[in-house]
PDB file of all heavy atoms in Angstrom:
ATOM      1  N   LEU A   1       0.783  -1.230   0.000  1.00  0.00           N
ATOM      2  CA  LEU A   1       0.000  -0.001   0.001  1.00  0.00           C
ATOM      3  C   LEU A   1       0.819   1.289   0.001  1.00  0.00           C
ATOM      4  O   LEU A   1       0.234   2.376  -0.079  1.00  0.00           O
ATOM      5  CB  LEU A   1      -0.929   0.018   1.217  1.00  0.00           C
ATOM      6  CG  LEU A   1      -1.950  -1.112   1.305  1.00  0.00           C
ATOM      7  CD1 LEU A   1      -2.663  -1.079   2.639  1.00  0.00           C
ATOM      8  CD2 LEU A   1      -2.937  -1.022   0.163  1.00  0.00           C
ATOM      9  N   GLY A   2       2.124   1.186   0.121  1.00  0.00           N
ATOM     10  CA  GLY A   2       2.944   2.396   0.174  1.00  0.00           C
ATOM     11  C   GLY A   2       2.576   3.237   1.387  1.00  0.00           C
ATOM     12  O   GLY A   2       2.345   2.722   2.480  1.00  0.00           O
ATOM     13  N   ASP A   3       2.501   4.544   1.196  1.00  0.00           N
ATOM     14  CA  ASP A   3       2.211   5.465   2.301  1.00  0.00           C
ATOM     15  C   ASP A   3       0.826   5.266   2.909  1.00  0.00           C
ATOM     16  O   ASP A   3       0.593   5.647   4.058  1.00  0.00           O
ATOM     17  CB  ASP A   3       2.353   6.914   1.840  1.00  0.00           C
ATOM     18  CG  ASP A   3       3.807   7.294   1.593  1.00  0.00           C
ATOM     19  OD1 ASP A   3       4.705   6.618   2.139  1.00  0.00           O
ATOM     20  OD2 ASP A   3       4.045   8.269   0.856  1.00  0.00           O
ATOM     21  N   MET A   4      -0.100   4.680   2.154  1.00  0.00           N
ATOM     22  CA  MET A   4      -1.445   4.420   2.692  1.00  0.00           C
ATOM     23  C   MET A   4      -1.419   3.387   3.818  1.00  0.00           C
ATOM     24  O   MET A   4      -2.361   3.304   4.606  1.00  0.00           O
ATOM     25  CB  MET A   4      -2.377   3.919   1.588  1.00  0.00           C
ATOM     26  CG  MET A   4      -2.897   4.988   0.678  1.00  0.00           C
ATOM     27  SD  MET A   4      -4.063   4.370  -0.592  1.00  0.00           S
ATOM     28  CE  MET A   4      -4.854   2.974   0.129  1.00  0.00           C
ATOM     29  N   ALA A   5      -0.367   2.594   3.892  1.00  0.00           N
ATOM     30  CA  ALA A   5      -0.295   1.509   4.869  1.00  0.00           C
ATOM     31  C   ALA A   5      -0.444   2.006   6.299  1.00  0.00           C
ATOM     32  O   ALA A   5      -1.034   1.325   7.145  1.00  0.00           O
ATOM     33  CB  ALA A   5       1.028   0.759   4.719  1.00  0.00           C
ATOM     34  N   TYR A   6       0.078   3.181   6.587  1.00  0.00           N
ATOM     35  CA  TYR A   6       0.081   3.707   7.948  1.00  0.00           C
ATOM     36  C   TYR A   6      -1.312   4.093   8.444  1.00  0.00           C
ATOM     37  O   TYR A   6      -1.554   4.104   9.645  1.00  0.00           O
ATOM     38  CB  TYR A   6       1.004   4.918   8.042  1.00  0.00           C
ATOM     39  CG  TYR A   6       2.416   4.610   7.605  1.00  0.00           C
ATOM     40  CD1 TYR A   6       2.856   4.958   6.328  1.00  0.00           C
ATOM     41  CD2 TYR A   6       3.303   3.958   8.450  1.00  0.00           C
ATOM     42  CE1 TYR A   6       4.145   4.667   5.915  1.00  0.00           C
ATOM     43  CE2 TYR A   6       4.597   3.652   8.040  1.00  0.00           C
ATOM     44  CZ  TYR A   6       5.008   4.012   6.774  1.00  0.00           C
ATOM     45  OH  TYR A   6       6.284   3.709   6.370  1.00  0.00           O
ATOM     46  N   ASP A   7      -2.212   4.415   7.533  1.00  0.00           N
ATOM     47  CA  ASP A   7      -3.542   4.892   7.902  1.00  0.00           C
ATOM     48  C   ASP A   7      -4.642   3.872   7.652  1.00  0.00           C
ATOM     49  O   ASP A   7      -5.824   4.187   7.800  1.00  0.00           O
ATOM     50  CB  ASP A   7      -3.867   6.173   7.130  1.00  0.00           C
ATOM     51  CG  ASP A   7      -2.906   7.288   7.435  1.00  0.00           C
ATOM     52  OD1 ASP A   7      -2.508   7.417   8.609  1.00  0.00           O
ATOM     53  OD2 ASP A   7      -2.544   8.033   6.503  1.00  0.00           O
ATOM     54  N   THR A   8      -4.275   2.670   7.265  1.00  0.00           N
ATOM     55  CA  THR A   8      -5.244   1.644   6.915  1.00  0.00           C
ATOM     56  C   THR A   8      -5.442   0.688   8.079  1.00  0.00           C
ATOM     57  O   THR A   8      -4.540   0.450   8.866  1.00  0.00           O
ATOM     58  CB  THR A   8      -4.755   0.871   5.667  1.00  0.00           C
ATOM     59  OG1 THR A   8      -4.599   1.791   4.586  1.00  0.00           O
ATOM     60  CG2 THR A   8      -5.719  -0.201   5.245  1.00  0.00           C
ATOM     61  N   LEU A   9      -6.642   0.134   8.177  1.00  0.00           N
ATOM     62  CA  LEU A   9      -6.940  -0.906   9.159  1.00  0.00           C
ATOM     63  C   LEU A   9      -6.776  -2.270   8.513  1.00  0.00           C
ATOM     64  O   LEU A   9      -6.890  -2.404   7.286  1.00  0.00           O
ATOM     65  CB  LEU A   9      -8.360  -0.746   9.695  1.00  0.00           C
ATOM     66  CG  LEU A   9      -8.629   0.526  10.483  1.00  0.00           C
ATOM     67  CD1 LEU A   9     -10.111   0.657  10.799  1.00  0.00           C
ATOM     68  CD2 LEU A   9      -7.800   0.549  11.759  1.00  0.00           C
ATOM     69  N   TYR A  10      -6.543  -3.289   9.336  1.00  0.00           N
ATOM     70  CA  TYR A  10      -6.270  -4.639   8.850  1.00  0.00           C
ATOM     71  C   TYR A  10      -7.001  -5.666   9.696  1.00  0.00           C
ATOM     72  O   TYR A  10      -7.296  -5.424  10.869  1.00  0.00           O
ATOM     73  CB  TYR A  10      -4.763  -4.941   8.950  1.00  0.00           C
ATOM     74  CG  TYR A  10      -3.914  -3.943   8.228  1.00  0.00           C
ATOM     75  CD1 TYR A  10      -3.491  -2.785   8.859  1.00  0.00           C
ATOM     76  CD2 TYR A  10      -3.560  -4.148   6.907  1.00  0.00           C
ATOM     77  CE1 TYR A  10      -2.723  -1.845   8.191  1.00  0.00           C
ATOM     78  CE2 TYR A  10      -2.793  -3.221   6.226  1.00  0.00           C
ATOM     79  CZ  TYR A  10      -2.377  -2.073   6.873  1.00  0.00           C
ATOM     80  OH  TYR A  10      -1.634  -1.143   6.204  1.00  0.00           O
ATOM     81  N   LEU A  11      -7.242  -6.844   9.091  1.00  0.00           N
ATOM     82  CA  LEU A  11      -7.658  -7.989   9.887  1.00  0.00           C
ATOM     83  C   LEU A  11      -6.397  -8.558  10.511  1.00  0.00           C
ATOM     84  O   LEU A  11      -5.401  -8.770   9.822  1.00  0.00           O
ATOM     85  CB  LEU A  11      -8.318  -9.057   9.015  1.00  0.00           C
ATOM     86  CG  LEU A  11      -9.677  -8.718   8.440  1.00  0.00           C
ATOM     87  CD1 LEU A  11     -10.179  -9.881   7.597  1.00  0.00           C
ATOM     88  CD2 LEU A  11     -10.679  -8.399   9.529  1.00  0.00           C
ATOM     89  N   GLU A  12      -6.421  -8.778  11.802  1.00  0.00           N
ATOM     90  CA  GLU A  12      -5.237  -9.294  12.488  1.00  0.00           C
ATOM     91  C   GLU A  12      -4.839 -10.655  11.905  1.00  0.00           C
ATOM     92  O   GLU A  12      -5.670 -11.569  11.848  1.00  0.00           O
ATOM     93  CB  GLU A  12      -5.514  -9.425  13.981  1.00  0.00           C
ATOM     94  CG  GLU A  12      -4.325  -9.859  14.782  1.00  0.00           C
ATOM     95  CD  GLU A  12      -4.604  -9.849  16.270  1.00  0.00           C
ATOM     96  OE1 GLU A  12      -5.735 -10.184  16.682  1.00  0.00           O
ATOM     97  OE2 GLU A  12      -3.689  -9.493  17.017  1.00  0.00           O
ATOM     98  N   PRO A  13      -3.601 -10.795  11.471  1.00  0.00           N
ATOM     99  CA  PRO A  13      -3.154 -12.097  10.933  1.00  0.00           C
ATOM    100  C   PRO A  13      -3.174 -13.175  12.017  1.00  0.00           C
ATOM    101  O   PRO A  13      -2.938 -12.889  13.202  1.00  0.00           O
ATOM    102  CB  PRO A  13      -1.716 -11.824  10.479  1.00  0.00           C
ATOM    103  CG  PRO A  13      -1.609 -10.341  10.345  1.00  0.00           C
ATOM    104  CD  PRO A  13      -2.566  -9.778  11.363  1.00  0.00           C
ATOM    105  N   ASP A  14      -3.445 -14.405  11.617  1.00  0.00           N
ATOM    106  CA  ASP A  14      -3.360 -15.521  12.553  1.00  0.00           C
ATOM    107  C   ASP A  14      -1.925 -15.634  13.061  1.00  0.00           C
ATOM    108  O   ASP A  14      -0.970 -15.299  12.357  1.00  0.00           O
ATOM    109  CB  ASP A  14      -3.747 -16.837  11.866  1.00  0.00           C
ATOM    110  CG  ASP A  14      -5.229 -16.898  11.537  1.00  0.00           C
ATOM    111  OD1 ASP A  14      -6.036 -16.304  12.270  1.00  0.00           O
ATOM    112  OD2 ASP A  14      -5.567 -17.561  10.536  1.00  0.00           O
ATOM    113  N   GLU A  15      -1.769 -16.143  14.281  1.00  0.00           N
ATOM    114  CA  GLU A  15      -0.445 -16.248  14.880  1.00  0.00           C
ATOM    115  C   GLU A  15       0.509 -17.120  14.068  1.00  0.00           C
ATOM    116  O   GLU A  15       1.704 -16.880  14.048  1.00  0.00           O
ATOM    117  CB  GLU A  15      -0.552 -16.792  16.310  1.00  0.00           C
ATOM    118  CG  GLU A  15      -1.128 -15.791  17.279  1.00  0.00           C
ATOM    119  CD  GLU A  15      -1.134 -16.316  18.702  1.00  0.00           C
ATOM    120  OE1 GLU A  15      -0.368 -17.244  19.014  1.00  0.00           O
ATOM    121  OE2 GLU A  15      -1.914 -15.773  19.503  1.00  0.00           O
ATOM    122  N   ASP A  16      -0.020 -18.132  13.413  1.00  0.00           N
ATOM    123  CA  ASP A  16       0.844 -19.049  12.668  1.00  0.00           C
ATOM    124  C   ASP A  16       1.018 -18.662  11.199  1.00  0.00           C
ATOM    125  O   ASP A  16       1.595 -19.402  10.422  1.00  0.00           O
ATOM    126  CB  ASP A  16       0.319 -20.477  12.776  1.00  0.00           C
ATOM    127  CG  ASP A  16      -1.085 -20.625  12.194  1.00  0.00           C
ATOM    128  OD1 ASP A  16      -1.757 -19.597  11.976  1.00  0.00           O
ATOM    129  OD2 ASP A  16      -1.510 -21.766  11.970  1.00  0.00           O
ATOM    130  N   SER A  17       0.537 -17.489  10.807  1.00  0.00           N
ATOM    131  CA  SER A  17       0.666 -17.069   9.410  1.00  0.00           C
ATOM    132  C   SER A  17       1.899 -16.192   9.217  1.00  0.00           C
ATOM    133  O   SER A  17       2.370 -15.540  10.148  1.00  0.00           O
ATOM    134  CB  SER A  17      -0.595 -16.346   8.938  1.00  0.00           C
ATOM    135  OG  SER A  17      -0.785 -15.157   9.667  1.00  0.00           O
ATOM    136  N   THR A  18       2.413 -16.200   7.997  1.00  0.00           N
ATOM    137  CA  THR A  18       3.598 -15.410   7.649  1.00  0.00           C
ATOM    138  C   THR A  18       3.338 -14.691   6.324  1.00  0.00           C
ATOM    139  O   THR A  18       2.598 -15.196   5.481  1.00  0.00           O
ATOM    140  CB  THR A  18       4.846 -16.295   7.497  1.00  0.00           C
ATOM    141  OG1 THR A  18       4.611 -17.259   6.461  1.00  0.00           O
ATOM    142  CG2 THR A  18       5.172 -17.020   8.790  1.00  0.00           C
ATOM    143  N   PRO A  19       3.961 -13.529   6.118  1.00  0.00           N
ATOM    144  CA  PRO A  19       3.720 -12.772   4.882  1.00  0.00           C
ATOM    145  C   PRO A  19       4.091 -13.521   3.605  1.00  0.00           C
ATOM    146  O   PRO A  19       3.504 -13.275   2.565  1.00  0.00           O
ATOM    147  CB  PRO A  19       4.587 -11.526   5.056  1.00  0.00           C
ATOM    148  CG  PRO A  19       4.765 -11.376   6.516  1.00  0.00           C
ATOM    149  CD  PRO A  19       4.788 -12.780   7.061  1.00  0.00           C
ATOM    150  N   ASP A  20       5.040 -14.439   3.677  1.00  0.00           N
ATOM    151  CA  ASP A  20       5.436 -15.142   2.457  1.00  0.00           C
ATOM    152  C   ASP A  20       4.455 -16.237   2.053  1.00  0.00           C
ATOM    153  O   ASP A  20       4.499 -16.722   0.924  1.00  0.00           O
ATOM    154  CB  ASP A  20       6.852 -15.709   2.597  1.00  0.00           C
ATOM    155  CG  ASP A  20       6.999 -16.690   3.742  1.00  0.00           C
ATOM    156  OD1 ASP A  20       6.304 -16.535   4.759  1.00  0.00           O
ATOM    157  OD2 ASP A  20       7.826 -17.612   3.618  1.00  0.00           O
ATOM    158  N   LYS A  21       3.531 -16.625   2.956  1.00  0.00           N
ATOM    159  CA  LYS A  21       2.581 -17.698   2.642  1.00  0.00           C
ATOM    160  C   LYS A  21       1.121 -17.291   2.775  1.00  0.00           C
ATOM    161  O   LYS A  21       0.245 -18.041   2.369  1.00  0.00           O
ATOM    162  CB  LYS A  21       2.824 -18.892   3.557  1.00  0.00           C
ATOM    163  CG  LYS A  21       4.155 -19.560   3.350  1.00  0.00           C
ATOM    164  CD  LYS A  21       4.291 -20.740   4.275  1.00  0.00           C
ATOM    165  CE  LYS A  21       5.642 -21.395   4.099  1.00  0.00           C
ATOM    166  NZ  LYS A  21       5.839 -22.503   5.033  1.00  0.00           N
ATOM    167  N   HIS A  22       0.852 -16.138   3.373  1.00  0.00           N
ATOM    168  CA  HIS A  22      -0.521 -15.754   3.679  1.00  0.00           C
ATOM    169  C   HIS A  22      -0.814 -14.327   3.230  1.00  0.00           C
ATOM    170  O   HIS A  22       0.095 -13.558   2.958  1.00  0.00           O
ATOM    171  CB  HIS A  22      -0.771 -15.912   5.183  1.00  0.00           C
ATOM    172  CG  HIS A  22      -0.570 -17.305   5.659  1.00  0.00           C
ATOM    173  ND1 HIS A  22       0.633 -17.749   6.142  1.00  0.00           N
ATOM    174  CD2 HIS A  22      -1.402 -18.363   5.710  1.00  0.00           C
ATOM    175  CE1 HIS A  22       0.542 -19.025   6.474  1.00  0.00           C
ATOM    176  NE2 HIS A  22      -0.691 -19.427   6.217  1.00  0.00           N
ATOM    177  N   ILE A  23      -2.084 -13.989   3.217  1.00  0.00           N
ATOM    178  CA  ILE A  23      -2.532 -12.677   2.758  1.00  0.00           C
ATOM    179  C   ILE A  23      -2.790 -11.763   3.947  1.00  0.00           C
ATOM    180  O   ILE A  23      -3.387 -12.179   4.941  1.00  0.00           O
ATOM    181  CB  ILE A  23      -3.821 -12.809   1.919  1.00  0.00           C
ATOM    182  CG1 ILE A  23      -3.528 -13.616   0.659  1.00  0.00           C
ATOM    183  CG2 ILE A  23      -4.408 -11.442   1.580  1.00  0.00           C
ATOM    184  CD1 ILE A  23      -4.758 -13.969  -0.148  1.00  0.00           C
ATOM    185  N   LEU A  24      -2.337 -10.528   3.826  1.00  0.00           N
ATOM    186  CA  LEU A  24      -2.670  -9.497   4.810  1.00  0.00           C
ATOM    187  C   LEU A  24      -3.912  -8.778   4.290  1.00  0.00           C
ATOM    188  O   LEU A  24      -3.856  -8.075   3.288  1.00  0.00           O
ATOM    189  CB  LEU A  24      -1.511  -8.510   4.971  1.00  0.00           C
ATOM    190  CG  LEU A  24      -1.761  -7.344   5.921  1.00  0.00           C
ATOM    191  CD1 LEU A  24      -2.043  -7.847   7.338  1.00  0.00           C
ATOM    192  CD2 LEU A  24      -0.566  -6.401   5.920  1.00  0.00           C
ATOM    193  N   TRP A  25      -5.031  -8.981   4.960  1.00  0.00           N
ATOM    194  CA  TRP A  25      -6.286  -8.373   4.533  1.00  0.00           C
ATOM    195  C   TRP A  25      -6.365  -6.956   5.075  1.00  0.00           C
ATOM    196  O   TRP A  25      -6.372  -6.745   6.281  1.00  0.00           O
ATOM    197  CB  TRP A  25      -7.482  -9.193   5.030  1.00  0.00           C
ATOM    198  CG  TRP A  25      -7.479 -10.587   4.505  1.00  0.00           C
ATOM    199  CD1 TRP A  25      -7.194 -11.725   5.201  1.00  0.00           C
ATOM    200  CD2 TRP A  25      -7.770 -10.997   3.171  1.00  0.00           C
ATOM    201  NE1 TRP A  25      -7.303 -12.808   4.370  1.00  0.00           N
ATOM    202  CE2 TRP A  25      -7.647 -12.396   3.124  1.00  0.00           C
ATOM    203  CE3 TRP A  25      -8.116 -10.319   2.011  1.00  0.00           C
ATOM    204  CZ2 TRP A  25      -7.863 -13.142   1.967  1.00  0.00           C
ATOM    205  CZ3 TRP A  25      -8.339 -11.052   0.852  1.00  0.00           C
ATOM    206  CH2 TRP A  25      -8.218 -12.434   0.841  1.00  0.00           C
ATOM    207  N   ASP A  26      -6.424  -5.986   4.167  1.00  0.00           N
ATOM    208  CA  ASP A  26      -6.521  -4.591   4.591  1.00  0.00           C
ATOM    209  C   ASP A  26      -7.896  -4.044   4.250  1.00  0.00           C
ATOM    210  O   ASP A  26      -8.609  -4.588   3.421  1.00  0.00           O
ATOM    211  CB  ASP A  26      -5.419  -3.747   3.943  1.00  0.00           C
ATOM    212  CG  ASP A  26      -5.581  -3.635   2.446  1.00  0.00           C
ATOM    213  OD1 ASP A  26      -6.434  -2.838   2.007  1.00  0.00           O
ATOM    214  OD2 ASP A  26      -4.852  -4.326   1.710  1.00  0.00           O
ATOM    215  N   PHE A  27      -8.261  -2.968   4.902  1.00  0.00           N
ATOM    216  CA  PHE A  27      -9.586  -2.373   4.739  1.00  0.00           C
ATOM    217  C   PHE A  27      -9.602  -1.241   3.720  1.00  0.00           C
ATOM    218  O   PHE A  27     -10.561  -0.493   3.649  1.00  0.00           O
ATOM    219  CB  PHE A  27     -10.084  -1.848   6.097  1.00  0.00           C
ATOM    220  CG  PHE A  27     -10.728  -2.897   6.961  1.00  0.00           C
ATOM    221  CD1 PHE A  27     -10.098  -4.098   7.207  1.00  0.00           C
ATOM    222  CD2 PHE A  27     -11.968  -2.676   7.512  1.00  0.00           C
ATOM    223  CE1 PHE A  27     -10.683  -5.060   8.005  1.00  0.00           C
ATOM    224  CE2 PHE A  27     -12.573  -3.638   8.314  1.00  0.00           C
ATOM    225  CZ  PHE A  27     -11.923  -4.833   8.560  1.00  0.00           C
ATOM    226  N   SER A  28      -8.564  -1.117   2.915  1.00  0.00           N
ATOM    227  CA  SER A  28      -8.484   0.008   1.980  1.00  0.00           C
ATOM    228  C   SER A  28      -9.604  -0.008   0.938  1.00  0.00           C
ATOM    229  O   SER A  28      -9.954   1.032   0.407  1.00  0.00           O
ATOM    230  CB  SER A  28      -7.122   0.053   1.296  1.00  0.00           C
ATOM    231  OG  SER A  28      -6.919  -1.100   0.508  1.00  0.00           O
ATOM    232  N   GLU A  29     -10.154  -1.178   0.645  1.00  0.00           N
ATOM    233  CA  GLU A  29     -11.207  -1.264  -0.369  1.00  0.00           C
ATOM    234  C   GLU A  29     -12.495  -1.886   0.158  1.00  0.00           C
ATOM    235  O   GLU A  29     -13.322  -2.363  -0.608  1.00  0.00           O
ATOM    236  CB  GLU A  29     -10.696  -2.033  -1.578  1.00  0.00           C
ATOM    237  CG  GLU A  29      -9.553  -1.305  -2.271  1.00  0.00           C
ATOM    238  CD  GLU A  29      -9.104  -1.981  -3.544  1.00  0.00           C
ATOM    239  OE1 GLU A  29      -9.887  -2.767  -4.115  1.00  0.00           O
ATOM    240  OE2 GLU A  29      -7.989  -1.701  -3.971  1.00  0.00           O
ATOM    241  N   VAL A  30     -12.682  -1.874   1.473  1.00  0.00           N
ATOM    242  CA  VAL A  30     -13.915  -2.390   2.055  1.00  0.00           C
ATOM    243  C   VAL A  30     -15.028  -1.384   1.806  1.00  0.00           C
ATOM    244  O   VAL A  30     -14.839  -0.181   1.942  1.00  0.00           O
ATOM    245  CB  VAL A  30     -13.738  -2.651   3.568  1.00  0.00           C
ATOM    246  CG1 VAL A  30     -15.073  -2.921   4.241  1.00  0.00           C
ATOM    247  CG2 VAL A  30     -12.792  -3.817   3.792  1.00  0.00           C
ATOM    248  N   MET A  31     -16.183  -1.902   1.401  1.00  0.00           N
ATOM    249  CA  MET A  31     -17.329  -1.032   1.122  1.00  0.00           C
ATOM    250  C   MET A  31     -18.463  -1.371   2.075  1.00  0.00           C
ATOM    251  O   MET A  31     -18.749  -2.551   2.311  1.00  0.00           O
ATOM    252  CB  MET A  31     -17.786  -1.238  -0.326  1.00  0.00           C
ATOM    253  CG  MET A  31     -16.748  -0.827  -1.331  1.00  0.00           C
ATOM    254  SD  MET A  31     -17.135  -1.131  -3.080  1.00  0.00           S
ATOM    255  CE  MET A  31     -18.839  -1.415  -3.171  1.00  0.00           C
ATOM    256  N   ALA A  32     -19.086  -0.338   2.620  1.00  0.00           N
ATOM    257  CA  ALA A  32     -20.261  -0.534   3.481  1.00  0.00           C
ATOM    258  C   ALA A  32     -21.414  -1.028   2.615  1.00  0.00           C
ATOM    259  O   ALA A  32     -21.742  -0.412   1.600  1.00  0.00           O
ATOM    260  CB  ALA A  32     -20.625   0.765   4.177  1.00  0.00           C
TER     261      ALA A  32
END
C-alpha cells in the first residue's frame, strides 16, 4: 500500500501465518 499503509486498518493475521505464505487483509477497499 505504500504510504497508505500507515492509515489503513487490517484484519489481524493468525499467529501461525507469515507474509510469504498468507494474505494481509486490509480495509483500503472495504465497502459498506
